[in-house]
PDB file of N, CA and C in Angstrom:
ATOM      1  N   MET A   1    -174.513  91.606  51.602  1.00  0.00           N
ATOM      2  CA  MET A   1    -175.082  92.704  50.710  1.00  0.00           C
ATOM      3  C   MET A   1    -174.232  93.757  50.904  1.00  0.00           C
ATOM      4  N   GLU A   2    -173.320  94.081  52.069  1.00  0.00           N
ATOM      5  CA  GLU A   2    -172.430  95.274  52.363  1.00  0.00           C
ATOM      6  C   GLU A   2    -171.397  94.633  50.980  1.00  0.00           C
ATOM      7  N   SER A   3    -171.202  93.565  50.711  1.00  0.00           N
ATOM      8  CA  SER A   3    -170.024  93.682  49.691  1.00  0.00           C
ATOM      9  C   SER A   3    -170.034  94.295  48.521  1.00  0.00           C
ATOM     10  N   VAL A   4    -171.380  94.566  48.006  1.00  0.00           N
ATOM     11  CA  VAL A   4    -172.113  94.931  46.981  1.00  0.00           C
ATOM     12  C   VAL A   4    -171.600  96.162  46.871  1.00  0.00           C
ATOM     13  N   TYR A   5    -171.523  97.067  48.155  1.00  0.00           N
ATOM     14  CA  TYR A   5    -171.497  98.654  48.364  1.00  0.00           C
ATOM     15  C   TYR A   5    -170.130  98.621  48.050  1.00  0.00           C
ATOM     16  N   LEU A   6    -169.073  97.601  47.950  1.00  0.00           N
ATOM     17  CA  LEU A   6    -167.425  97.879  47.751  1.00  0.00           C
ATOM     18  C   LEU A   6    -167.470  97.613  46.552  1.00  0.00           C
ATOM     19  N   LEU A   7    -167.928  96.684  45.828  1.00  0.00           N
ATOM     20  CA  LEU A   7    -167.550  95.661  44.390  1.00  0.00           C
ATOM     21  C   LEU A   7    -167.930  96.617  43.370  1.00  0.00           C
ATOM     22  N   ILE A   8    -169.343  97.386  43.528  1.00  0.00           N
ATOM     23  CA  ILE A   8    -169.943  98.595  42.386  1.00  0.00           C
ATOM     24  C   ILE A   8    -169.013  99.426  42.331  1.00  0.00           C
ATOM     25  N   PRO A   9    -167.947 100.287  43.659  1.00  0.00           N
ATOM     26  CA  PRO A   9    -167.953 101.324  43.096  1.00  0.00           C
ATOM     27  C   PRO A   9    -166.180 100.905  42.690  1.00  0.00           C
ATOM     28  N   VAL A  10    -165.911  99.573  43.125  1.00  0.00           N
ATOM     29  CA  VAL A  10    -164.285  99.145  42.606  1.00  0.00           C
ATOM     30  C   VAL A  10    -164.385  98.875  41.175  1.00  0.00           C
ATOM     31  N   SER A  11    -165.737  98.372  40.334  1.00  0.00           N
ATOM     32  CA  SER A  11    -165.937  97.968  39.295  1.00  0.00           C
ATOM     33  C   SER A  11    -165.813  99.024  38.161  1.00  0.00           C
ATOM     34  N   VAL A  12    -166.302 100.190  38.544  1.00  0.00           N
ATOM     35  CA  VAL A  12    -166.686 101.429  38.088  1.00  0.00           C
ATOM     36  C   VAL A  12    -165.101 101.941  37.850  1.00  0.00           C
ATOM     37  N   LEU A  13    -164.665 102.092  38.906  1.00  0.00           N
ATOM     38  CA  LEU A  13    -163.195 102.545  38.897  1.00  0.00           C
ATOM     39  C   LEU A  13    -162.317 101.762  37.688  1.00  0.00           C
ATOM     40  N   LEU A  14    -162.532 100.538  37.989  1.00  0.00           N
ATOM     41  CA  LEU A  14    -161.679  99.632  37.265  1.00  0.00           C
ATOM     42  C   LEU A  14    -162.122  99.878  35.530  1.00  0.00           C
ATOM     43  N   VAL A  15    -163.262 100.024  35.120  1.00  0.00           N
ATOM     44  CA  VAL A  15    -163.646 100.241  33.704  1.00  0.00           C
ATOM     45  C   VAL A  15    -163.135 101.889  33.450  1.00  0.00           C
ATOM     46  N   PHE A  16    -162.887 102.451  34.432  1.00  0.00           N
ATOM     47  CA  PHE A  16    -162.742 103.727  33.953  1.00  0.00           C
ATOM     48  C   PHE A  16    -161.088 103.754  33.593  1.00  0.00           C
ATOM     49  N   GLY A  17    -160.520 103.252  34.493  1.00  0.00           N
ATOM     50  CA  GLY A  17    -158.939 102.588  34.318  1.00  0.00           C
ATOM     51  C   GLY A  17    -158.585 101.808  33.127  1.00  0.00           C
ATOM     52  N   ILE A  18    -159.309 101.381  32.625  1.00  0.00           N
ATOM     53  CA  ILE A  18    -159.097 100.352  31.494  1.00  0.00           C
ATOM     54  C   ILE A  18    -159.497 101.458  30.106  1.00  0.00           C
ATOM     55  N   ALA A  19    -160.417 102.027  30.435  1.00  0.00           N
ATOM     56  CA  ALA A  19    -160.780 102.797  29.163  1.00  0.00           C
ATOM     57  C   ALA A  19    -159.915 104.267  29.410  1.00  0.00           C
ATOM     58  N   PHE A  20    -159.356 104.423  30.118  1.00  0.00           N
ATOM     59  CA  PHE A  20    -158.316 105.848  30.222  1.00  0.00           C
ATOM     60  C   PHE A  20    -157.016 104.778  29.561  1.00  0.00           C
ATOM     61  N   ALA A  21    -156.585 104.038  29.908  1.00  0.00           N
ATOM     62  CA  ALA A  21    -155.802 103.161  29.423  1.00  0.00           C
ATOM     63  C   ALA A  21    -155.593 102.631  27.828  1.00  0.00           C
ATOM     64  N   PHE A  22    -157.146 102.486  27.142  1.00  0.00           N
ATOM     65  CA  PHE A  22    -157.169 102.308  25.949  1.00  0.00           C
ATOM     66  C   PHE A  22    -157.185 103.434  25.229  1.00  0.00           C
ATOM     67  N   TRP A  23    -157.457 104.533  25.847  1.00  0.00           N
ATOM     68  CA  TRP A  23    -157.520 105.854  25.289  1.00  0.00           C
ATOM     69  C   TRP A  23    -156.110 106.624  24.878  1.00  0.00           C
ATOM     70  N   TRP A  24    -155.617 106.213  25.959  1.00  0.00           N
ATOM     71  CA  TRP A  24    -154.045 107.050  25.777  1.00  0.00           C
ATOM     72  C   TRP A  24    -153.175 105.910  25.107  1.00  0.00           C
ATOM     73  N   SER A  25    -153.368 104.746  24.691  1.00  0.00           N
ATOM     74  CA  SER A  25    -152.553 103.829  23.824  1.00  0.00           C
ATOM     75  C   SER A  25    -153.123 103.976  22.353  1.00  0.00           C
ATOM     76  N   VAL A  26    -154.441 104.985  22.162  1.00  0.00           N
ATOM     77  CA  VAL A  26    -154.948 104.678  20.810  1.00  0.00           C
ATOM     78  C   VAL A  26    -153.860 106.236  20.234  1.00  0.00           C
ATOM     79  N   ARG A  27    -154.216 107.229  21.523  1.00  0.00           N
ATOM     80  CA  ARG A  27    -153.554 108.612  21.115  1.00  0.00           C
ATOM     81  C   ARG A  27    -152.137 108.768  20.841  1.00  0.00           C
ATOM     82  N   SER A  28    -151.503 107.891  21.562  1.00  0.00           N
ATOM     83  CA  SER A  28    -150.179 107.422  21.577  1.00  0.00           C
ATOM     84  C   SER A  28    -149.458 106.994  20.399  1.00  0.00           C
ATOM     85  N   GLY A  29    -150.305 106.006  19.382  1.00  0.00           N
ATOM     86  CA  GLY A  29    -150.093 105.412  18.654  1.00  0.00           C
ATOM     87  C   GLY A  29    -149.770 103.874  18.588  1.00  0.00           C
ATOM     88  N   GLN A  30    -149.861 103.430  19.605  1.00  0.00           N
ATOM     89  CA  GLN A  30    -149.540 102.033  19.680  1.00  0.00           C
ATOM     90  C   GLN A  30    -150.158 101.107  18.587  1.00  0.00           C
ATOM     91  N   PHE A  31    -151.535 101.585  17.901  1.00  0.00           N
ATOM     92  CA  PHE A  31    -152.352 100.459  17.098  1.00  0.00           C
ATOM     93  C   PHE A  31    -151.709 100.798  15.354  1.00  0.00           C
ATOM     94  N   ASP A  32    -150.974 101.595  15.297  1.00  0.00           N
ATOM     95  CA  ASP A  32    -150.921 102.600  13.836  1.00  0.00           C
ATOM     96  C   ASP A  32    -150.519 101.544  13.261  1.00  0.00           C
ATOM     97  N   ASP A  33    -149.570 100.858  13.268  1.00  0.00           N
ATOM     98  CA  ASP A  33    -149.094  99.626  12.372  1.00  0.00           C
ATOM     99  C   ASP A  33    -149.118  98.420  12.727  1.00  0.00           C
ATOM    100  N   LEU A  34    -150.085  97.616  12.551  1.00  0.00           N
ATOM    101  CA  LEU A  34    -150.099  96.517  13.424  1.00  0.00           C
ATOM    102  C   LEU A  34    -149.293  95.091  12.268  1.00  0.00           C
ATOM    103  N   GLU A  35    -149.396  95.200  11.066  1.00  0.00           N
ATOM    104  CA  GLU A  35    -148.737  94.479   9.848  1.00  0.00           C
ATOM    105  C   GLU A  35    -147.261  94.637   9.463  1.00  0.00           C
ATOM    106  N   GLY A  36    -146.646  95.837   9.805  1.00  0.00           N
ATOM    107  CA  GLY A  36    -145.589  96.554   9.521  1.00  0.00           C
ATOM    108  C   GLY A  36    -144.354  95.389   9.586  1.00  0.00           C
ATOM    109  N   PRO A  37    -144.336  95.440  11.019  1.00  0.00           N
ATOM    110  CA  PRO A  37    -143.554  94.826  12.017  1.00  0.00           C
ATOM    111  C   PRO A  37    -143.231  93.249  11.684  1.00  0.00           C
ATOM    112  N   GLY A  38    -144.337  92.517  11.312  1.00  0.00           N
ATOM    113  CA  GLY A  38    -144.402  91.368  11.036  1.00  0.00           C
ATOM    114  C   GLY A  38    -143.787  91.268   9.422  1.00  0.00           C
ATOM    115  N   PHE A  39    -144.026  92.196   8.696  1.00  0.00           N
ATOM    116  CA  PHE A  39    -143.453  91.907   7.501  1.00  0.00           C
ATOM    117  C   PHE A  39    -142.265  92.414   7.410  1.00  0.00           C
ATOM    118  N   LYS A  40    -141.601  93.070   8.333  1.00  0.00           N
ATOM    119  CA  LYS A  40    -140.147  93.582   8.191  1.00  0.00           C
ATOM    120  C   LYS A  40    -139.270  92.355   8.533  1.00  0.00           C
ATOM    121  N   ILE A  41    -139.680  91.474   9.504  1.00  0.00           N
ATOM    122  CA  ILE A  41    -138.998  90.556   9.754  1.00  0.00           C
ATOM    123  C   ILE A  41    -138.206  89.670   8.922  1.00  0.00           C
ATOM    124  N   LEU A  42    -139.762  89.190   7.832  1.00  0.00           N
ATOM    125  CA  LEU A  42    -139.571  88.319   6.974  1.00  0.00           C
ATOM    126  C   LEU A  42    -138.648  89.287   5.518  1.00  0.00           C
ATOM    127  N   MET A  43    -138.761  90.398   5.932  1.00  0.00           N
ATOM    128  CA  MET A  43    -138.243  90.963   4.414  1.00  0.00           C
ATOM    129  C   MET A  43    -136.738  91.797   4.907  1.00  0.00           C
ATOM    130  N   ASP A  44    -136.018  91.250   6.014  1.00  0.00           N
ATOM    131  CA  ASP A  44    -134.711  91.970   6.788  1.00  0.00           C
ATOM    132  C   ASP A  44    -133.573  91.357   5.593  1.00  0.00           C
ATOM    133  N   ASP A  45    -132.656  91.716   5.646  1.00  0.00           N
ATOM    134  CA  ASP A  45    -131.775  91.784   5.155  1.00  0.00           C
ATOM    135  C   ASP A  45    -131.137  90.231   4.819  1.00  0.00           C
ATOM    136  N   ASP A  46    -130.932  89.911   3.750  1.00  0.00           N
ATOM    137  CA  ASP A  46    -130.705  88.759   3.268  1.00  0.00           C
ATOM    138  C   ASP A  46    -129.291  88.084   3.956  1.00  0.00           C
ATOM    139  N   LYS A  47    -129.021  87.225   5.125  1.00  0.00           N
ATOM    140  CA  LYS A  47    -127.708  87.149   5.668  1.00  0.00           C
ATOM    141  C   LYS A  47    -127.839  85.371   6.168  1.00  0.00           C
ATOM    142  N   ALA A  48    -126.744  84.881   6.115  1.00  0.00           N
ATOM    143  CA  ALA A  48    -126.085  83.652   6.400  1.00  0.00           C
ATOM    144  C   ALA A  48    -126.388  82.799   7.658  1.00  0.00           C
ATOM    145  N   PRO A  49    -126.868  81.770   7.527  1.00  0.00           N
ATOM    146  CA  PRO A  49    -126.857  81.198   8.975  1.00  0.00           C
ATOM    147  C   PRO A  49    -126.272  82.230   9.951  1.00  0.00           C
ATOM    148  N   GLY A  50    -124.920  81.942   9.952  1.00  0.00           N
ATOM    149  CA  GLY A  50    -123.943  82.456  10.771  1.00  0.00           C
ATOM    150  C   GLY A  50    -124.098  84.318  10.898  1.00  0.00           C
ATOM    151  N   GLY A  51    -124.828  84.716  10.325  1.00  0.00           N
ATOM    152  CA  GLY A  51    -125.109  85.802  10.641  1.00  0.00           C
ATOM    153  C   GLY A  51    -124.084  87.280   9.448  1.00  0.00           C
ATOM    154  N   HIS A  52    -123.209  86.512   8.371  1.00  0.00           N
ATOM    155  CA  HIS A  52    -122.784  87.127   7.501  1.00  0.00           C
ATOM    156  C   HIS A  52    -123.549  87.586   5.905  1.00  0.00           C
ATOM    157  N   ALA A  53    -123.287  88.757   5.626  1.00  0.00           N
ATOM    158  CA  ALA A  53    -124.277  89.034   4.446  1.00  0.00           C
ATOM    159  C   ALA A  53    -123.767  88.145   3.409  1.00  0.00           C
ATOM    160  N   VAL A  54    -124.819  87.904   2.657  1.00  0.00           N
ATOM    161  CA  VAL A  54    -124.584  86.808   1.349  1.00  0.00           C
ATOM    162  C   VAL A  54    -124.070  87.946  -0.041  1.00  0.00           C
ATOM    163  N   LYS A  55    -123.265  87.670  -0.446  1.00  0.00           N
ATOM    164  CA  LYS A  55    -122.921  87.939  -2.084  1.00  0.00           C
ATOM    165  C   LYS A  55    -124.135  87.790  -3.289  1.00  0.00           C
ATOM    166  N   LYS A  56    -124.284  88.503  -3.695  1.00  0.00           N
ATOM    167  CA  LYS A  56    -125.312  88.527  -4.498  1.00  0.00           C
ATOM    168  C   LYS A  56    -124.479  88.674  -6.089  1.00  0.00           C
ATOM    169  N   ASP A  57    -125.288  87.976  -7.205  1.00  0.00           N
ATOM    170  CA  ASP A  57    -124.537  88.317  -8.469  1.00  0.00           C
ATOM    171  C   ASP A  57    -125.061  89.782  -8.795  1.00  0.00           C
ATOM    172  N   PRO A  58    -124.373  90.522  -9.450  1.00  0.00           N
ATOM    173  CA  PRO A  58    -124.525  91.863 -10.128  1.00  0.00           C
ATOM    174  C   PRO A  58    -125.805  91.486 -11.200  1.00  0.00           C
ATOM    175  N   GLY A  59    -125.961  90.609 -11.828  1.00  0.00           N
ATOM    176  CA  GLY A  59    -127.058  90.838 -12.678  1.00  0.00           C
ATOM    177  C   GLY A  59    -128.644  90.372 -11.875  1.00  0.00           C
ATOM    178  N   GLU A  60    -128.415  89.729 -10.880  1.00  0.00           N
ATOM    179  CA  GLU A  60    -129.690  89.377  -9.893  1.00  0.00           C
ATOM    180  C   GLU A  60    -130.424  90.516  -9.450  1.00  0.00           C
ATOM    181  N   GLU A  61    -131.830  90.291  -9.779  1.00  0.00           N
ATOM    182  CA  GLU A  61    -132.572  91.656  -9.263  1.00  0.00           C
ATOM    183  C   GLU A  61    -133.020  91.049  -7.958  1.00  0.00           C
ATOM    184  N   LYS A  62    -133.346  92.340  -7.013  1.00  0.00           N
ATOM    185  CA  LYS A  62    -133.806  91.646  -6.128  1.00  0.00           C
ATOM    186  C   LYS A  62    -135.144  92.508  -6.343  1.00  0.00           C
ATOM    187  N   VAL A  63    -135.607  91.731  -5.478  1.00  0.00           N
ATOM    188  CA  VAL A  63    -137.636  91.769  -5.400  1.00  0.00           C
ATOM    189  C   VAL A  63    -137.861  91.909  -4.161  1.00  0.00           C
TER     190      VAL A  63
END
């Protein structure tokens, strides 16, 4: 029974700490754009496997 007197305040402090961390992350913009970085990787510059840029034909359109 004595351990309950210790565990309840510790759990309340833990909940407040997690709530504060979540509030801070939302206010600082951590969740603004979740899909952008994933698409940015896919739409990166066209490069050859060696890291050199690929030359395109002048008539070829970039989509």
